[in-house]
Amino acid sequence: MKNPSTSLSSIVLVAICVLLIVAILILVIGHTYQNRRLIQRATDHIARLSHDLPDKYCGRELLYAFYTKFFDVPDNFLEINDPGFASRRLGWMLGMVDRLGPGTVLNCSYLNPGVRPGIESCVSSMEFWLDFEFEGHRWAVWCPTETFSVVNRLTFGGRYVDTTHRRCYHDDAVAWLRRAGIIQL
């Protein structure tokens, strides 16, 4: 015959375990929901700022002068058939450094192999991406396809970046753009 107190203790222990598992699940689902909401808000922020970005940032002479000054890129980087060096994309990155404001950093990094969707590679690829702050969080913006992607900065740095080659800070970029006559005081 079973001892009733042992049976009751087992039921209480199982109930506590089930409640603990449910509580953990609720916390995980809440955290995931919160992260997705934050990413969506940061993405919407970027979309608003990039709407009607002027073409003045995409001039070939401007891009050549800016990127060769701040980054070690090949002399023919605008002619290379690489989506990371497309003039429209490089101009978008430069314009967004201006629009995102202080604290924004334009990075040139070697990304881990196979990061770009649809492109399998066993070597690191050079990629430009932005590091910025929005609502107390750091975000990375990069363009693996025709549109941009927003990723938590720490996740991006840990998962995608192999090594960071060079950085250009907002203040340096804006000062250079002012001297070039692209933006006014």
N, C-alpha and C. Protein backbone atom coordinates (compact mmCIF):
# COMPACT_ATOMS: atom_id res chain seq x y z
N MET A 1 0.83 -1.17 0.00
CA MET A 1 0.00 0.00 0.00
C MET A 1 0.89 1.25 0.00
N LYS A 2 0.46 2.24 -0.81
CA LYS A 2 1.24 3.47 -0.93
C LYS A 2 0.97 4.39 0.25
N ASN A 3 1.99 5.09 0.61
CA ASN A 3 1.86 6.07 1.66
C ASN A 3 1.20 7.32 1.06
N PRO A 4 0.04 7.80 1.58
CA PRO A 4 -0.66 8.95 1.00
C PRO A 4 0.16 10.23 1.03
N SER A 5 1.01 10.43 2.01
CA SER A 5 1.80 11.66 2.08
C SER A 5 2.86 11.67 0.98
N THR A 6 3.42 10.52 0.62
CA THR A 6 4.39 10.43 -0.47
C THR A 6 3.72 10.75 -1.79
N SER A 7 2.53 10.24 -1.99
CA SER A 7 1.77 10.50 -3.22
C SER A 7 1.43 11.98 -3.33
N LEU A 8 1.02 12.58 -2.23
CA LEU A 8 0.68 14.00 -2.22
C LEU A 8 1.93 14.85 -2.49
N SER A 9 3.06 14.48 -1.93
CA SER A 9 4.32 15.20 -2.14
C SER A 9 4.73 15.13 -3.61
N SER A 10 4.54 13.97 -4.23
CA SER A 10 4.88 13.81 -5.64
C SER A 10 4.00 14.69 -6.50
N ILE A 11 2.72 14.77 -6.19
CA ILE A 11 1.79 15.60 -6.97
C ILE A 11 2.17 17.07 -6.82
N VAL A 12 2.50 17.50 -5.63
CA VAL A 12 2.90 18.89 -5.39
C VAL A 12 4.19 19.20 -6.14
N LEU A 13 5.14 18.29 -6.11
CA LEU A 13 6.41 18.48 -6.81
C LEU A 13 6.18 18.58 -8.32
N VAL A 14 5.36 17.72 -8.87
CA VAL A 14 5.04 17.76 -10.31
C VAL A 14 4.34 19.07 -10.64
N ALA A 15 3.42 19.51 -9.80
CA ALA A 15 2.70 20.77 -10.04
C ALA A 15 3.66 21.96 -10.02
N ILE A 16 4.59 21.96 -9.09
CA ILE A 16 5.59 23.04 -9.02
C ILE A 16 6.45 23.03 -10.28
N CYS A 17 6.87 21.86 -10.73
CA CYS A 17 7.69 21.75 -11.96
C CYS A 17 6.92 22.26 -13.17
N VAL A 18 5.66 21.89 -13.27
CA VAL A 18 4.83 22.33 -14.41
C VAL A 18 4.68 23.85 -14.37
N LEU A 19 4.41 24.41 -13.20
CA LEU A 19 4.28 25.87 -13.07
C LEU A 19 5.59 26.58 -13.41
N LEU A 20 6.70 26.00 -13.01
CA LEU A 20 8.01 26.57 -13.32
C LEU A 20 8.25 26.55 -14.83
N ILE A 21 7.92 25.47 -15.49
CA ILE A 21 8.09 25.36 -16.94
C ILE A 21 7.19 26.37 -17.65
N VAL A 22 5.95 26.51 -17.20
CA VAL A 22 5.03 27.48 -17.79
C VAL A 22 5.57 28.90 -17.61
N ALA A 23 6.08 29.20 -16.42
CA ALA A 23 6.64 30.54 -16.16
C ALA A 23 7.83 30.82 -17.08
N ILE A 24 8.69 29.83 -17.25
CA ILE A 24 9.85 30.00 -18.14
C ILE A 24 9.39 30.22 -19.58
N LEU A 25 8.42 29.45 -20.02
CA LEU A 25 7.88 29.62 -21.38
C LEU A 25 7.30 31.01 -21.57
N ILE A 26 6.56 31.50 -20.58
CA ILE A 26 5.98 32.85 -20.68
C ILE A 26 7.08 33.90 -20.77
N LEU A 27 8.15 33.75 -19.99
CA LEU A 27 9.27 34.69 -20.04
C LEU A 27 9.97 34.65 -21.40
N VAL A 28 10.19 33.47 -21.93
CA VAL A 28 10.87 33.34 -23.23
C VAL A 28 10.01 33.93 -24.34
N ILE A 29 8.73 33.63 -24.34
CA ILE A 29 7.82 34.17 -25.37
C ILE A 29 7.73 35.70 -25.25
N GLY A 30 7.65 36.21 -24.03
CA GLY A 30 7.61 37.66 -23.82
C GLY A 30 8.88 38.34 -24.29
N HIS A 31 10.02 37.73 -23.99
CA HIS A 31 11.31 38.29 -24.42
C HIS A 31 11.42 38.29 -25.95
N THR A 32 11.01 37.20 -26.58
CA THR A 32 11.05 37.10 -28.04
C THR A 32 10.13 38.15 -28.67
N TYR A 33 8.94 38.28 -28.13
CA TYR A 33 7.99 39.28 -28.63
C TYR A 33 8.57 40.69 -28.49
N GLN A 34 9.15 40.99 -27.35
CA GLN A 34 9.74 42.30 -27.11
C GLN A 34 10.87 42.58 -28.10
N ASN A 35 11.74 41.60 -28.34
CA ASN A 35 12.84 41.77 -29.30
C ASN A 35 12.32 42.03 -30.70
N ARG A 36 11.32 41.28 -31.11
CA ARG A 36 10.76 41.49 -32.45
C ARG A 36 10.12 42.87 -32.57
N ARG A 37 9.47 43.30 -31.52
CA ARG A 37 8.86 44.63 -31.53
C ARG A 37 9.94 45.72 -31.62
N LEU A 38 11.03 45.56 -30.88
CA LEU A 38 12.13 46.52 -30.94
C LEU A 38 12.76 46.56 -32.33
N ILE A 39 12.98 45.40 -32.92
CA ILE A 39 13.56 45.34 -34.27
C ILE A 39 12.63 46.00 -35.27
N GLN A 40 11.34 45.76 -35.14
CA GLN A 40 10.38 46.38 -36.07
C GLN A 40 10.38 47.90 -35.93
N ARG A 41 10.47 48.39 -34.71
CA ARG A 41 10.51 49.84 -34.50
C ARG A 41 11.78 50.45 -35.08
N ALA A 42 12.91 49.78 -34.89
CA ALA A 42 14.17 50.26 -35.47
C ALA A 42 14.11 50.21 -36.99
N THR A 43 13.52 49.16 -37.54
CA THR A 43 13.37 49.04 -39.00
C THR A 43 12.48 50.16 -39.54
N ASP A 44 11.38 50.44 -38.85
CA ASP A 44 10.49 51.53 -39.27
C ASP A 44 11.20 52.87 -39.20
N HIS A 45 12.04 53.05 -38.19
CA HIS A 45 12.82 54.29 -38.05
C HIS A 45 13.76 54.46 -39.24
N ILE A 46 14.46 53.41 -39.60
CA ILE A 46 15.36 53.47 -40.75
C ILE A 46 14.57 53.75 -42.03
N ALA A 47 13.44 53.08 -42.20
CA ALA A 47 12.62 53.29 -43.40
C ALA A 47 12.16 54.74 -43.50
N ARG A 48 11.75 55.35 -42.39
CA ARG A 48 11.33 56.76 -42.40
C ARG A 48 12.49 57.66 -42.78
N LEU A 49 13.65 57.42 -42.18
CA LEU A 49 14.80 58.28 -42.46
C LEU A 49 15.33 58.11 -43.88
N SER A 50 15.22 56.92 -44.42
CA SER A 50 15.78 56.68 -45.75
C SER A 50 14.80 57.04 -46.87
N HIS A 51 13.56 57.36 -46.50
CA HIS A 51 12.58 57.75 -47.51
C HIS A 51 13.03 59.05 -48.18
N ASP A 52 13.04 59.07 -49.47
CA ASP A 52 13.44 60.25 -50.26
C ASP A 52 14.87 60.70 -49.98
N LEU A 53 15.76 59.76 -49.76
CA LEU A 53 17.17 60.09 -49.58
C LEU A 53 17.68 60.68 -50.90
N PRO A 54 18.23 61.88 -50.89
CA PRO A 54 18.63 62.52 -52.15
C PRO A 54 19.73 61.75 -52.89
N ASP A 55 19.72 61.89 -54.20
CA ASP A 55 20.72 61.23 -55.04
C ASP A 55 22.11 61.85 -54.89
N LYS A 56 22.19 63.01 -54.21
CA LYS A 56 23.48 63.69 -54.09
C LYS A 56 24.53 62.82 -53.38
N TYR A 57 24.09 61.83 -52.60
CA TYR A 57 25.02 60.95 -51.91
C TYR A 57 25.57 59.85 -52.82
N CYS A 58 24.98 59.67 -53.98
CA CYS A 58 25.33 58.54 -54.85
C CYS A 58 26.25 58.90 -56.01
N GLY A 59 26.72 60.13 -56.08
CA GLY A 59 27.61 60.53 -57.17
C GLY A 59 28.89 59.72 -57.14
N ARG A 60 29.31 59.24 -58.30
CA ARG A 60 30.49 58.38 -58.37
C ARG A 60 31.76 59.08 -57.85
N GLU A 61 31.93 60.36 -58.21
CA GLU A 61 33.11 61.09 -57.76
C GLU A 61 33.10 61.26 -56.24
N LEU A 62 31.91 61.57 -55.70
CA LEU A 62 31.78 61.71 -54.25
C LEU A 62 32.09 60.39 -53.55
N LEU A 63 31.50 59.30 -54.03
CA LEU A 63 31.72 57.99 -53.42
C LEU A 63 33.19 57.60 -53.49
N TYR A 64 33.79 57.82 -54.65
CA TYR A 64 35.20 57.48 -54.81
C TYR A 64 36.06 58.28 -53.82
N ALA A 65 35.82 59.59 -53.73
CA ALA A 65 36.61 60.43 -52.84
C ALA A 65 36.40 60.04 -51.37
N PHE A 66 35.14 59.83 -50.99
CA PHE A 66 34.85 59.51 -49.59
C PHE A 66 35.41 58.15 -49.18
N TYR A 67 35.06 57.11 -49.94
CA TYR A 67 35.44 55.75 -49.52
C TYR A 67 36.94 55.49 -49.64
N THR A 68 37.62 56.15 -50.59
CA THR A 68 39.08 55.95 -50.65
C THR A 68 39.78 56.71 -49.53
N LYS A 69 39.17 57.80 -49.04
CA LYS A 69 39.78 58.54 -47.93
C LYS A 69 39.65 57.78 -46.62
N PHE A 70 38.48 57.23 -46.34
CA PHE A 70 38.22 56.63 -45.03
C PHE A 70 38.41 55.12 -44.98
N PHE A 71 38.42 54.45 -46.12
CA PHE A 71 38.49 52.98 -46.13
C PHE A 71 39.52 52.52 -47.15
N ASP A 72 40.15 51.39 -46.86
CA ASP A 72 41.08 50.79 -47.81
C ASP A 72 40.28 49.94 -48.80
N VAL A 73 39.84 50.58 -49.86
CA VAL A 73 39.10 49.86 -50.90
C VAL A 73 39.96 49.83 -52.15
N PRO A 74 39.76 48.85 -53.00
CA PRO A 74 40.53 48.82 -54.25
C PRO A 74 40.24 50.07 -55.09
N ASP A 75 41.20 50.49 -55.91
CA ASP A 75 40.99 51.68 -56.74
C ASP A 75 39.79 51.55 -57.66
N ASN A 76 39.49 50.34 -58.08
CA ASN A 76 38.38 50.12 -59.01
C ASN A 76 37.12 49.60 -58.30
N PHE A 77 36.94 49.95 -57.02
CA PHE A 77 35.86 49.34 -56.24
C PHE A 77 34.48 49.61 -56.82
N LEU A 78 34.29 50.74 -57.51
CA LEU A 78 32.98 51.03 -58.09
C LEU A 78 32.70 50.20 -59.35
N GLU A 79 33.74 49.67 -59.94
CA GLU A 79 33.56 48.84 -61.14
C GLU A 79 33.48 47.35 -60.82
N ILE A 80 33.80 46.98 -59.60
CA ILE A 80 33.75 45.56 -59.22
C ILE A 80 32.31 45.10 -59.22
N ASN A 81 32.06 43.94 -59.76
CA ASN A 81 30.70 43.41 -59.82
C ASN A 81 30.37 42.72 -58.49
N ASP A 82 30.28 43.54 -57.44
CA ASP A 82 30.00 43.03 -56.10
C ASP A 82 28.88 43.90 -55.52
N PRO A 83 27.79 43.28 -55.05
CA PRO A 83 26.68 44.09 -54.52
C PRO A 83 27.09 44.98 -53.35
N GLY A 84 28.12 44.59 -52.61
CA GLY A 84 28.58 45.41 -51.50
C GLY A 84 29.22 46.72 -51.94
N PHE A 85 29.65 46.80 -53.19
CA PHE A 85 30.28 48.01 -53.72
C PHE A 85 29.40 48.74 -54.73
N ALA A 86 28.14 48.41 -54.81
CA ALA A 86 27.23 49.10 -55.74
C ALA A 86 27.11 50.56 -55.31
N SER A 87 27.18 51.46 -56.26
CA SER A 87 27.19 52.88 -55.93
C SER A 87 25.89 53.30 -55.23
N ARG A 88 24.76 52.74 -55.61
CA ARG A 88 23.49 53.08 -54.96
C ARG A 88 23.53 52.68 -53.48
N ARG A 89 24.08 51.55 -53.21
CA ARG A 89 24.16 51.05 -51.84
C ARG A 89 25.16 51.87 -51.00
N LEU A 90 26.32 52.17 -51.58
CA LEU A 90 27.32 52.97 -50.87
C LEU A 90 26.80 54.38 -50.61
N GLY A 91 26.05 54.94 -51.56
CA GLY A 91 25.44 56.26 -51.37
C GLY A 91 24.38 56.22 -50.28
N TRP A 92 23.60 55.13 -50.24
CA TRP A 92 22.58 54.98 -49.20
C TRP A 92 23.24 54.95 -47.83
N MET A 93 24.34 54.18 -47.71
CA MET A 93 25.06 54.09 -46.43
C MET A 93 25.59 55.46 -46.01
N LEU A 94 26.15 56.20 -46.94
CA LEU A 94 26.71 57.51 -46.64
C LEU A 94 25.59 58.48 -46.23
N GLY A 95 24.49 58.48 -46.95
CA GLY A 95 23.36 59.34 -46.60
C GLY A 95 22.78 59.00 -45.24
N MET A 96 22.73 57.72 -44.92
CA MET A 96 22.17 57.30 -43.63
C MET A 96 23.09 57.68 -42.47
N VAL A 97 24.40 57.72 -42.69
CA VAL A 97 25.31 58.19 -41.64
C VAL A 97 24.92 59.62 -41.28
N ASP A 98 24.65 60.43 -42.30
CA ASP A 98 24.24 61.81 -42.08
C ASP A 98 22.89 61.87 -41.37
N ARG A 99 21.91 61.11 -41.83
CA ARG A 99 20.55 61.19 -41.28
C ARG A 99 20.39 60.55 -39.90
N LEU A 100 21.14 59.51 -39.61
CA LEU A 100 21.00 58.85 -38.31
C LEU A 100 21.61 59.66 -37.17
N GLY A 101 22.51 60.55 -37.48
CA GLY A 101 23.01 61.48 -36.49
C GLY A 101 24.18 60.99 -35.65
N PRO A 102 24.52 61.79 -34.63
CA PRO A 102 25.69 61.48 -33.78
C PRO A 102 25.62 60.08 -33.19
N GLY A 103 26.77 59.47 -33.08
CA GLY A 103 26.87 58.12 -32.54
C GLY A 103 26.82 57.05 -33.62
N THR A 104 26.47 57.44 -34.84
CA THR A 104 26.42 56.49 -35.94
C THR A 104 27.83 56.22 -36.44
N VAL A 105 28.09 54.97 -36.77
CA VAL A 105 29.41 54.57 -37.26
C VAL A 105 29.21 53.78 -38.55
N LEU A 106 29.95 54.17 -39.61
CA LEU A 106 29.98 53.40 -40.85
C LEU A 106 31.17 52.46 -40.74
N ASN A 107 30.89 51.18 -40.76
CA ASN A 107 31.93 50.16 -40.58
C ASN A 107 32.23 49.45 -41.89
N CYS A 108 33.46 49.06 -42.04
CA CYS A 108 33.86 48.19 -43.13
C CYS A 108 34.46 46.96 -42.46
N SER A 109 33.77 45.83 -42.62
CA SER A 109 34.19 44.61 -41.95
C SER A 109 34.29 43.46 -42.93
N TYR A 110 35.07 42.49 -42.55
CA TYR A 110 35.05 41.22 -43.26
C TYR A 110 34.04 40.36 -42.53
N LEU A 111 33.02 39.92 -43.26
CA LEU A 111 31.97 39.12 -42.67
C LEU A 111 32.30 37.64 -42.79
N ASN A 112 31.77 36.88 -41.87
CA ASN A 112 31.99 35.43 -41.90
C ASN A 112 31.52 34.84 -43.23
N PRO A 113 32.20 33.82 -43.71
CA PRO A 113 31.80 33.19 -44.97
C PRO A 113 30.36 32.69 -44.92
N GLY A 114 29.68 32.83 -46.05
CA GLY A 114 28.32 32.32 -46.17
C GLY A 114 27.26 33.20 -45.53
N VAL A 115 27.60 34.43 -45.14
CA VAL A 115 26.63 35.31 -44.49
C VAL A 115 25.61 35.85 -45.49
N ARG A 116 26.04 36.19 -46.67
CA ARG A 116 25.12 36.74 -47.65
C ARG A 116 24.18 35.66 -48.16
N PRO A 117 22.89 35.94 -48.12
CA PRO A 117 21.92 34.94 -48.60
C PRO A 117 22.14 34.60 -50.07
N GLY A 118 22.07 33.36 -50.40
CA GLY A 118 22.19 32.91 -51.79
C GLY A 118 23.60 32.87 -52.34
N ILE A 119 24.57 33.26 -51.55
CA ILE A 119 25.96 33.25 -52.00
C ILE A 119 26.76 32.38 -51.05
N GLU A 120 27.19 31.25 -51.55
CA GLU A 120 28.00 30.37 -50.72
C GLU A 120 29.47 30.71 -50.95
N SER A 121 30.18 30.86 -49.87
CA SER A 121 31.58 31.24 -49.97
C SER A 121 32.34 30.62 -48.81
N CYS A 122 33.60 30.40 -49.04
CA CYS A 122 34.45 29.89 -47.97
C CYS A 122 35.48 30.93 -47.55
N VAL A 123 35.34 32.16 -48.10
CA VAL A 123 36.24 33.24 -47.70
C VAL A 123 35.40 34.40 -47.16
N SER A 124 36.01 35.21 -46.32
CA SER A 124 35.32 36.37 -45.76
C SER A 124 35.08 37.40 -46.85
N SER A 125 33.93 38.05 -46.79
CA SER A 125 33.61 39.09 -47.77
C SER A 125 33.62 40.45 -47.08
N MET A 126 34.09 41.47 -47.80
CA MET A 126 34.12 42.82 -47.26
C MET A 126 32.71 43.41 -47.39
N GLU A 127 32.25 44.05 -46.33
CA GLU A 127 30.88 44.58 -46.32
C GLU A 127 30.86 45.88 -45.52
N PHE A 128 30.07 46.84 -46.01
CA PHE A 128 29.84 48.06 -45.26
C PHE A 128 28.52 47.92 -44.51
N TRP A 129 28.50 48.42 -43.29
CA TRP A 129 27.29 48.38 -42.47
C TRP A 129 27.32 49.50 -41.46
N LEU A 130 26.14 49.86 -40.97
CA LEU A 130 26.01 50.97 -40.03
C LEU A 130 25.74 50.47 -38.62
N ASP A 131 26.31 51.15 -37.67
CA ASP A 131 26.10 50.89 -36.26
C ASP A 131 25.48 52.18 -35.71
N PHE A 132 24.26 52.10 -35.15
CA PHE A 132 23.59 53.30 -34.65
C PHE A 132 22.78 52.97 -33.41
N GLU A 133 22.38 54.02 -32.71
CA GLU A 133 21.57 53.86 -31.51
C GLU A 133 20.15 54.36 -31.77
N PHE A 134 19.17 53.59 -31.27
CA PHE A 134 17.77 54.00 -31.36
C PHE A 134 17.05 53.47 -30.13
N GLU A 135 16.42 54.36 -29.41
CA GLU A 135 15.67 54.04 -28.21
C GLU A 135 16.49 53.23 -27.19
N GLY A 136 17.74 53.66 -27.01
CA GLY A 136 18.58 53.04 -25.99
C GLY A 136 19.21 51.72 -26.37
N HIS A 137 19.06 51.29 -27.62
CA HIS A 137 19.65 50.04 -28.09
C HIS A 137 20.56 50.32 -29.27
N ARG A 138 21.62 49.52 -29.40
CA ARG A 138 22.51 49.63 -30.56
C ARG A 138 22.04 48.65 -31.62
N TRP A 139 22.04 49.12 -32.87
CA TRP A 139 21.56 48.32 -34.00
C TRP A 139 22.59 48.33 -35.10
N ALA A 140 22.58 47.28 -35.90
CA ALA A 140 23.40 47.21 -37.11
C ALA A 140 22.45 47.19 -38.29
N VAL A 141 22.79 47.96 -39.31
CA VAL A 141 22.01 47.98 -40.56
C VAL A 141 22.95 47.56 -41.66
N TRP A 142 22.53 46.57 -42.41
CA TRP A 142 23.32 46.14 -43.56
C TRP A 142 22.36 45.74 -44.66
N CYS A 143 22.89 45.56 -45.83
CA CYS A 143 22.05 45.31 -47.00
C CYS A 143 22.50 44.03 -47.70
N PRO A 144 22.08 42.88 -47.20
CA PRO A 144 22.49 41.66 -47.87
C PRO A 144 21.79 41.45 -49.20
N THR A 145 20.68 42.16 -49.43
CA THR A 145 19.93 42.07 -50.69
C THR A 145 19.60 43.49 -51.11
N GLU A 146 18.56 43.66 -51.90
CA GLU A 146 18.15 44.98 -52.36
C GLU A 146 17.63 45.85 -51.22
N THR A 147 17.08 45.24 -50.18
CA THR A 147 16.57 46.00 -49.04
C THR A 147 17.56 45.92 -47.90
N PHE A 148 17.31 46.66 -46.86
CA PHE A 148 18.21 46.64 -45.72
C PHE A 148 17.69 45.70 -44.65
N SER A 149 18.60 45.27 -43.79
CA SER A 149 18.25 44.44 -42.64
C SER A 149 18.73 45.13 -41.38
N VAL A 150 17.91 45.08 -40.33
CA VAL A 150 18.27 45.64 -39.04
C VAL A 150 18.45 44.48 -38.07
N VAL A 151 19.60 44.46 -37.39
CA VAL A 151 19.94 43.38 -36.48
C VAL A 151 20.48 43.99 -35.19
N ASN A 152 20.21 43.37 -34.06
CA ASN A 152 20.81 43.79 -32.81
C ASN A 152 22.32 43.86 -33.00
N ARG A 153 22.93 44.95 -32.57
CA ARG A 153 24.36 45.19 -32.83
C ARG A 153 25.25 44.08 -32.25
N LEU A 154 24.98 43.66 -31.04
CA LEU A 154 25.81 42.60 -30.45
C LEU A 154 25.63 41.28 -31.19
N THR A 155 24.41 40.98 -31.59
CA THR A 155 24.16 39.76 -32.37
C THR A 155 24.88 39.84 -33.71
N PHE A 156 24.80 40.99 -34.37
CA PHE A 156 25.45 41.16 -35.66
C PHE A 156 26.96 40.99 -35.53
N GLY A 157 27.54 41.65 -34.52
CA GLY A 157 28.99 41.56 -34.31
C GLY A 157 29.44 40.14 -34.00
N GLY A 158 28.66 39.41 -33.23
CA GLY A 158 29.04 38.06 -32.84
C GLY A 158 28.78 37.02 -33.91
N ARG A 159 27.70 37.18 -34.66
CA ARG A 159 27.29 36.16 -35.62
C ARG A 159 27.85 36.40 -37.02
N TYR A 160 27.94 37.65 -37.44
CA TYR A 160 28.27 37.94 -38.83
C TYR A 160 29.69 38.46 -39.06
N VAL A 161 30.20 39.27 -38.13
CA VAL A 161 31.49 39.94 -38.35
C VAL A 161 32.65 39.02 -38.02
N ASP A 162 33.55 38.90 -38.98
CA ASP A 162 34.80 38.18 -38.76
C ASP A 162 35.81 39.15 -38.14
N THR A 163 36.14 40.21 -38.86
CA THR A 163 37.01 41.26 -38.34
C THR A 163 36.54 42.61 -38.91
N THR A 164 36.68 43.66 -38.10
CA THR A 164 36.35 45.00 -38.59
C THR A 164 37.63 45.62 -39.09
N HIS A 165 37.55 46.08 -40.33
CA HIS A 165 38.72 46.61 -41.02
C HIS A 165 38.92 48.09 -40.72
N ARG A 166 37.88 48.88 -40.91
CA ARG A 166 37.94 50.33 -40.69
C ARG A 166 36.58 50.83 -40.23
N ARG A 167 36.60 52.02 -39.60
CA ARG A 167 35.37 52.68 -39.16
C ARG A 167 35.45 54.15 -39.54
N CYS A 168 34.27 54.73 -39.81
CA CYS A 168 34.17 56.17 -40.01
C CYS A 168 33.03 56.65 -39.12
N TYR A 169 33.35 57.54 -38.21
CA TYR A 169 32.37 58.04 -37.26
C TYR A 169 31.55 59.18 -37.86
N HIS A 170 30.34 59.34 -37.36
CA HIS A 170 29.41 60.34 -37.87
C HIS A 170 30.05 61.72 -37.99
N ASP A 171 30.70 62.18 -36.95
CA ASP A 171 31.28 63.53 -36.97
C ASP A 171 32.31 63.70 -38.09
N ASP A 172 33.14 62.69 -38.30
CA ASP A 172 34.13 62.75 -39.38
C ASP A 172 33.46 62.77 -40.75
N ALA A 173 32.44 61.94 -40.92
CA ALA A 173 31.74 61.87 -42.21
C ALA A 173 31.02 63.18 -42.50
N VAL A 174 30.33 63.72 -41.51
CA VAL A 174 29.59 64.98 -41.70
C VAL A 174 30.55 66.13 -41.99
N ALA A 175 31.66 66.19 -41.27
CA ALA A 175 32.65 67.25 -41.53
C ALA A 175 33.16 67.14 -42.97
N TRP A 176 33.43 65.92 -43.42
CA TRP A 176 33.91 65.73 -44.79
C TRP A 176 32.83 66.12 -45.80
N LEU A 177 31.58 65.73 -45.55
CA LEU A 177 30.48 66.07 -46.45
C LEU A 177 30.25 67.58 -46.50
N ARG A 178 30.45 68.28 -45.40
CA ARG A 178 30.33 69.75 -45.39
C ARG A 178 31.42 70.38 -46.23
N ARG A 179 32.66 69.90 -46.04
CA ARG A 179 33.77 70.43 -46.85
C ARG A 179 33.55 70.16 -48.33
N ALA A 180 32.91 69.05 -48.65
CA ALA A 180 32.64 68.71 -50.06
C ALA A 180 31.42 69.46 -50.60
N GLY A 181 30.71 70.19 -49.73
CA GLY A 181 29.55 70.96 -50.18
C GLY A 181 28.28 70.14 -50.36
N ILE A 182 28.27 68.92 -49.83
CA ILE A 182 27.09 68.04 -49.98
C ILE A 182 26.01 68.40 -48.97
N ILE A 183 26.40 68.75 -47.75
CA ILE A 183 25.42 69.18 -46.76
C ILE A 183 25.81 70.57 -46.27
N GLN A 184 24.82 71.34 -45.89
CA GLN A 184 25.02 72.70 -45.41
C GLN A 184 25.02 72.71 -43.89
N LEU A 185 25.58 73.75 -43.32
CA LEU A 185 25.58 73.89 -41.86
C LEU A 185 24.23 74.00 -41.38
